[in-house]
Amino acid sequence: MPAVGTDVRKLVKDGYPAEGIIGCDIRESYITLGYKLYKDSPSSLPIHFIMGDIFELPISSEFPVSNHPLSAVTFLEELRGRVTYIYIGALFHIFDEDTQYALASRLACLVSRKGTNIIFGRHQGKPEEGIIDGLLGRLELVYLLLIL
């Protein structure tokens, strides 16, 4: 199932300030589908959505931290060192161990080096090591909820 912003919309409904949330998906069509499904729009929903593939984010320990407004962010790279919480759901389990490590390394680049931060989510597993067969491939499921 494509990520259509259900989790970020629920977070706002529960009272978290929408101006501090960025939703990210690899496909613009999923963001558009979310607006259609929830009958809202960029003008009626203050959550900022961007497109991006976490695997295209270069891994680096040294990078400038952007300070322009979150509403102006257009690329994941602009979030380096700025994110307090990252929710990433139903993603790690579809990759092999090396790719999981690559994903975790890139998520760590986004996390702020100040204060308390957390990367969390929901995932599927099995008792023995191996790949869980799924209906969708990697490109269908790259979805992050970034709470700043």
C-alpha atoms as a PDB file:
ATOM      1  CA  MET A   1       0.000   0.000   0.000  1.00  0.00           C
ATOM      2  CA  PRO A   2       1.411   3.384  -0.905  1.00  0.00           C
ATOM      3  CA  ALA A   3       2.095   5.913   1.825  1.00  0.00           C
ATOM      4  CA  VAL A   4      -0.514   8.632   1.456  1.00  0.00           C
ATOM      5  CA  GLY A   5       0.180  10.650   4.593  1.00  0.00           C
ATOM      6  CA  THR A   6      -2.153   8.840   6.965  1.00  0.00           C
ATOM      7  CA  ASP A   7       0.327   8.941   9.847  1.00  0.00           C
ATOM      8  CA  VAL A   8       1.149  12.635   9.523  1.00  0.00           C
ATOM      9  CA  ARG A   9      -2.511  13.563   9.270  1.00  0.00           C
ATOM     10  CA  LYS A  10      -3.259  11.517  12.400  1.00  0.00           C
ATOM     11  CA  LEU A  11      -0.442  13.250  14.247  1.00  0.00           C
ATOM     12  CA  VAL A  12      -1.915  16.654  13.415  1.00  0.00           C
ATOM     13  CA  LYS A  13      -5.410  15.484  14.424  1.00  0.00           C
ATOM     14  CA  ASP A  14      -3.936  14.411  17.769  1.00  0.00           C
ATOM     15  CA  GLY A  15      -2.620  17.934  18.320  1.00  0.00           C
ATOM     16  CA  TYR A  16       0.967  18.045  17.063  1.00  0.00           C
ATOM     17  CA  PRO A  17       1.660  21.348  15.248  1.00  0.00           C
ATOM     18  CA  ALA A  18       1.518  20.710  11.511  1.00  0.00           C
ATOM     19  CA  GLU A  19       4.116  23.398  10.828  1.00  0.00           C
ATOM     20  CA  GLY A  20       6.715  21.125  12.429  1.00  0.00           C
ATOM     21  CA  ILE A  21       5.993  18.089  10.268  1.00  0.00           C
ATOM     22  CA  ILE A  22       7.380  17.104   6.898  1.00  0.00           C
ATOM     23  CA  GLY A  23       6.047  14.068   5.059  1.00  0.00           C
ATOM     24  CA  CYS A  24       8.237  12.520   2.398  1.00  0.00           C
ATOM     25  CA  ASP A  25       7.458   9.987  -0.283  1.00  0.00           C
ATOM     26  CA  ILE A  26       9.324   8.739  -3.291  1.00  0.00           C
ATOM     27  CA  ARG A  27       6.373   9.312  -5.617  1.00  0.00           C
ATOM     28  CA  GLU A  28       4.436  12.539  -6.063  1.00  0.00           C
ATOM     29  CA  SER A  29       1.408  10.475  -7.096  1.00  0.00           C
ATOM     30  CA  TYR A  30       1.166   9.070  -3.545  1.00  0.00           C
ATOM     31  CA  ILE A  31       1.160  12.572  -2.059  1.00  0.00           C
ATOM     32  CA  THR A  32      -1.544  13.598  -4.536  1.00  0.00           C
ATOM     33  CA  LEU A  33      -3.509  10.441  -3.756  1.00  0.00           C
ATOM     34  CA  GLY A  34      -3.403  11.376  -0.052  1.00  0.00           C
ATOM     35  CA  TYR A  35      -4.977  14.765  -0.773  1.00  0.00           C
ATOM     36  CA  LYS A  36      -7.691  13.082  -2.808  1.00  0.00           C
ATOM     37  CA  LEU A  37      -8.308  10.362  -0.215  1.00  0.00           C
ATOM     38  CA  TYR A  38      -8.510  12.764   2.727  1.00  0.00           C
ATOM     39  CA  LYS A  39     -10.255  15.532   0.771  1.00  0.00           C
ATOM     40  CA  ASP A  40      -7.728  18.175   1.724  1.00  0.00           C
ATOM     41  CA  SER A  41      -5.119  20.193  -0.147  1.00  0.00           C
ATOM     42  CA  PRO A  42      -1.791  21.938   0.385  1.00  0.00           C
ATOM     43  CA  SER A  43      -3.717  25.113   1.231  1.00  0.00           C
ATOM     44  CA  SER A  44      -6.040  23.450   3.772  1.00  0.00           C
ATOM     45  CA  LEU A  45      -3.445  21.118   5.344  1.00  0.00           C
ATOM     46  CA  PRO A  46      -0.332  22.873   6.668  1.00  0.00           C
ATOM     47  CA  ILE A  47       1.785  19.705   6.563  1.00  0.00           C
ATOM     48  CA  HIS A  48       4.670  20.132   4.156  1.00  0.00           C
ATOM     49  CA  PHE A  49       5.213  17.163   1.805  1.00  0.00           C
ATOM     50  CA  ILE A  50       8.316  16.597  -0.273  1.00  0.00           C
ATOM     51  CA  MET A  51       9.468  13.906  -2.669  1.00  0.00           C
ATOM     52  CA  GLY A  52      12.712  12.131  -2.015  1.00  0.00           C
ATOM     53  CA  ASP A  53      14.549   8.840  -2.051  1.00  0.00           C
ATOM     54  CA  ILE A  54      16.504   8.294   1.169  1.00  0.00           C
ATOM     55  CA  PHE A  55      18.968   6.102  -0.719  1.00  0.00           C
ATOM     56  CA  GLU A  56      20.051   9.117  -2.779  1.00  0.00           C
ATOM     57  CA  LEU A  57      21.091  11.003   0.379  1.00  0.00           C
ATOM     58  CA  PRO A  58      24.904  10.999   0.604  1.00  0.00           C
ATOM     59  CA  ILE A  59      26.282   9.721   3.894  1.00  0.00           C
ATOM     60  CA  SER A  60      28.533  12.278   5.550  1.00  0.00           C
ATOM     61  CA  SER A  61      29.345  13.279   9.091  1.00  0.00           C
ATOM     62  CA  GLU A  62      30.210  16.827   8.074  1.00  0.00           C
ATOM     63  CA  PHE A  63      27.621  18.991   6.393  1.00  0.00           C
ATOM     64  CA  PRO A  64      26.198  22.464   6.718  1.00  0.00           C
ATOM     65  CA  VAL A  65      22.906  22.605   8.618  1.00  0.00           C
ATOM     66  CA  SER A  66      20.304  24.597   6.736  1.00  0.00           C
ATOM     67  CA  ASN A  67      18.356  27.187   8.676  1.00  0.00           C
ATOM     68  CA  HIS A  68      15.774  28.203   6.108  1.00  0.00           C
ATOM     69  CA  PRO A  69      12.099  27.613   7.006  1.00  0.00           C
ATOM     70  CA  LEU A  70      10.740  24.081   6.882  1.00  0.00           C
ATOM     71  CA  SER A  71       8.065  25.217   4.461  1.00  0.00           C
ATOM     72  CA  ALA A  72      10.862  25.992   1.974  1.00  0.00           C
ATOM     73  CA  VAL A  73      12.508  22.545   2.175  1.00  0.00           C
ATOM     74  CA  THR A  74      12.358  20.698  -1.148  1.00  0.00           C
ATOM     75  CA  PHE A  75      15.041  18.015  -0.763  1.00  0.00           C
ATOM     76  CA  LEU A  76      15.877  15.525   1.984  1.00  0.00           C
ATOM     77  CA  GLU A  77      19.441  16.813   2.009  1.00  0.00           C
ATOM     78  CA  GLU A  78      18.152  20.155   3.321  1.00  0.00           C
ATOM     79  CA  LEU A  79      17.013  18.351   6.474  1.00  0.00           C
ATOM     80  CA  ARG A  80      20.492  17.118   7.468  1.00  0.00           C
ATOM     81  CA  GLY A  81      21.038  17.644  11.168  1.00  0.00           C
ATOM     82  CA  ARG A  82      17.618  19.250  11.701  1.00  0.00           C
ATOM     83  CA  VAL A  83      15.230  16.405  12.512  1.00  0.00           C
ATOM     84  CA  THR A  84      14.164  15.586  16.076  1.00  0.00           C
ATOM     85  CA  TYR A  85      11.942  12.567  15.422  1.00  0.00           C
ATOM     86  CA  ILE A  86      11.785  10.261  12.438  1.00  0.00           C
ATOM     87  CA  TYR A  87       8.936   7.817  11.999  1.00  0.00           C
ATOM     88  CA  ILE A  88       9.635   5.281   9.299  1.00  0.00           C
ATOM     89  CA  GLY A  89       7.054   2.550   9.030  1.00  0.00           C
ATOM     90  CA  ALA A  90       6.893  -0.736   7.174  1.00  0.00           C
ATOM     91  CA  LEU A  91      10.176  -0.255   5.377  1.00  0.00           C
ATOM     92  CA  PHE A  92      13.225  -1.846   7.015  1.00  0.00           C
ATOM     93  CA  HIS A  93      11.843  -5.368   6.789  1.00  0.00           C
ATOM     94  CA  ILE A  94      11.685  -5.376   3.005  1.00  0.00           C
ATOM     95  CA  PHE A  95      15.474  -5.032   2.631  1.00  0.00           C
ATOM     96  CA  ASP A  96      18.441  -7.287   3.179  1.00  0.00           C
ATOM     97  CA  GLU A  97      20.800  -6.529   6.078  1.00  0.00           C
ATOM     98  CA  ASP A  98      23.265  -4.440   4.055  1.00  0.00           C
ATOM     99  CA  THR A  99      20.486  -2.251   2.682  1.00  0.00           C
ATOM    100  CA  GLN A 100      18.962  -1.870   6.167  1.00  0.00           C
ATOM    101  CA  TYR A 101      22.327  -0.606   7.362  1.00  0.00           C
ATOM    102  CA  ALA A 102      22.509   1.844   4.440  1.00  0.00           C
ATOM    103  CA  LEU A 103      18.998   3.072   5.269  1.00  0.00           C
ATOM    104  CA  ALA A 104      19.778   3.518   8.982  1.00  0.00           C
ATOM    105  CA  SER A 105      23.011   5.382   8.165  1.00  0.00           C
ATOM    106  CA  ARG A 106      21.161   7.843   5.966  1.00  0.00           C
ATOM    107  CA  LEU A 107      18.417   8.398   8.543  1.00  0.00           C
ATOM    108  CA  ALA A 108      21.120   9.134  11.123  1.00  0.00           C
ATOM    109  CA  CYS A 109      22.411  11.937   8.865  1.00  0.00           C
ATOM    110  CA  LEU A 110      19.053  13.690   9.189  1.00  0.00           C
ATOM    111  CA  VAL A 111      18.911  13.642  12.996  1.00  0.00           C
ATOM    112  CA  SER A 112      19.814  16.775  14.925  1.00  0.00           C
ATOM    113  CA  ARG A 113      22.949  16.585  17.048  1.00  0.00           C
ATOM    114  CA  LYS A 114      21.239  18.675  19.767  1.00  0.00           C
ATOM    115  CA  GLY A 115      18.903  17.385  22.462  1.00  0.00           C
ATOM    116  CA  THR A 116      17.048  14.096  22.507  1.00  0.00           C
ATOM    117  CA  ASN A 117      16.143  12.494  19.187  1.00  0.00           C
ATOM    118  CA  ILE A 118      14.559   9.240  18.140  1.00  0.00           C
ATOM    119  CA  ILE A 119      14.054   7.151  15.010  1.00  0.00           C
ATOM    120  CA  PHE A 120      11.097   4.811  15.376  1.00  0.00           C
ATOM    121  CA  GLY A 121       8.462   2.958  13.386  1.00  0.00           C
ATOM    122  CA  ARG A 122       6.697  -0.307  12.838  1.00  0.00           C
ATOM    123  CA  HIS A 123       8.190  -3.192  10.961  1.00  0.00           C
ATOM    124  CA  GLN A 124       7.689  -6.827  10.227  1.00  0.00           C
ATOM    125  CA  GLY A 125      10.099  -9.612  11.091  1.00  0.00           C
ATOM    126  CA  LYS A 126      10.463 -13.355  11.294  1.00  0.00           C
ATOM    127  CA  PRO A 127      12.339 -15.652  13.667  1.00  0.00           C
ATOM    128  CA  GLU A 128      15.071 -16.590  11.207  1.00  0.00           C
ATOM    129  CA  GLU A 129      17.230 -14.321   9.076  1.00  0.00           C
ATOM    130  CA  GLY A 130      15.999 -13.776   5.545  1.00  0.00           C
ATOM    131  CA  ILE A 131      13.926 -11.663   3.208  1.00  0.00           C
ATOM    132  CA  ILE A 132      10.184 -11.301   3.742  1.00  0.00           C
ATOM    133  CA  ASP A 133       8.406 -11.482   0.433  1.00  0.00           C
ATOM    134  CA  GLY A 134       6.155  -8.500  -0.161  1.00  0.00           C
ATOM    135  CA  LEU A 135       3.780  -7.287  -2.818  1.00  0.00           C
ATOM    136  CA  LEU A 136       5.642  -4.044  -3.431  1.00  0.00           C
ATOM    137  CA  GLY A 137       9.301  -3.337  -4.064  1.00  0.00           C
ATOM    138  CA  ARG A 138      11.595  -0.769  -2.455  1.00  0.00           C
ATOM    139  CA  LEU A 139      10.614   2.092  -4.725  1.00  0.00           C
ATOM    140  CA  GLU A 140       6.958   1.714  -3.779  1.00  0.00           C
ATOM    141  CA  LEU A 141       7.468   2.111  -0.043  1.00  0.00           C
ATOM    142  CA  VAL A 142       9.993   4.820   0.720  1.00  0.00           C
ATOM    143  CA  TYR A 143       8.054   6.984   3.119  1.00  0.00           C
ATOM    144  CA  LEU A 144       9.251   9.034   6.036  1.00  0.00           C
ATOM    145  CA  LEU A 145       7.528  11.157   8.568  1.00  0.00           C
ATOM    146  CA  LEU A 146       9.908  13.807   9.753  1.00  0.00           C
ATOM    147  CA  ILE A 147       8.929  15.745  12.814  1.00  0.00           C
ATOM    148  CA  LEU A 148      11.132  18.725  13.444  1.00  0.00           C
END
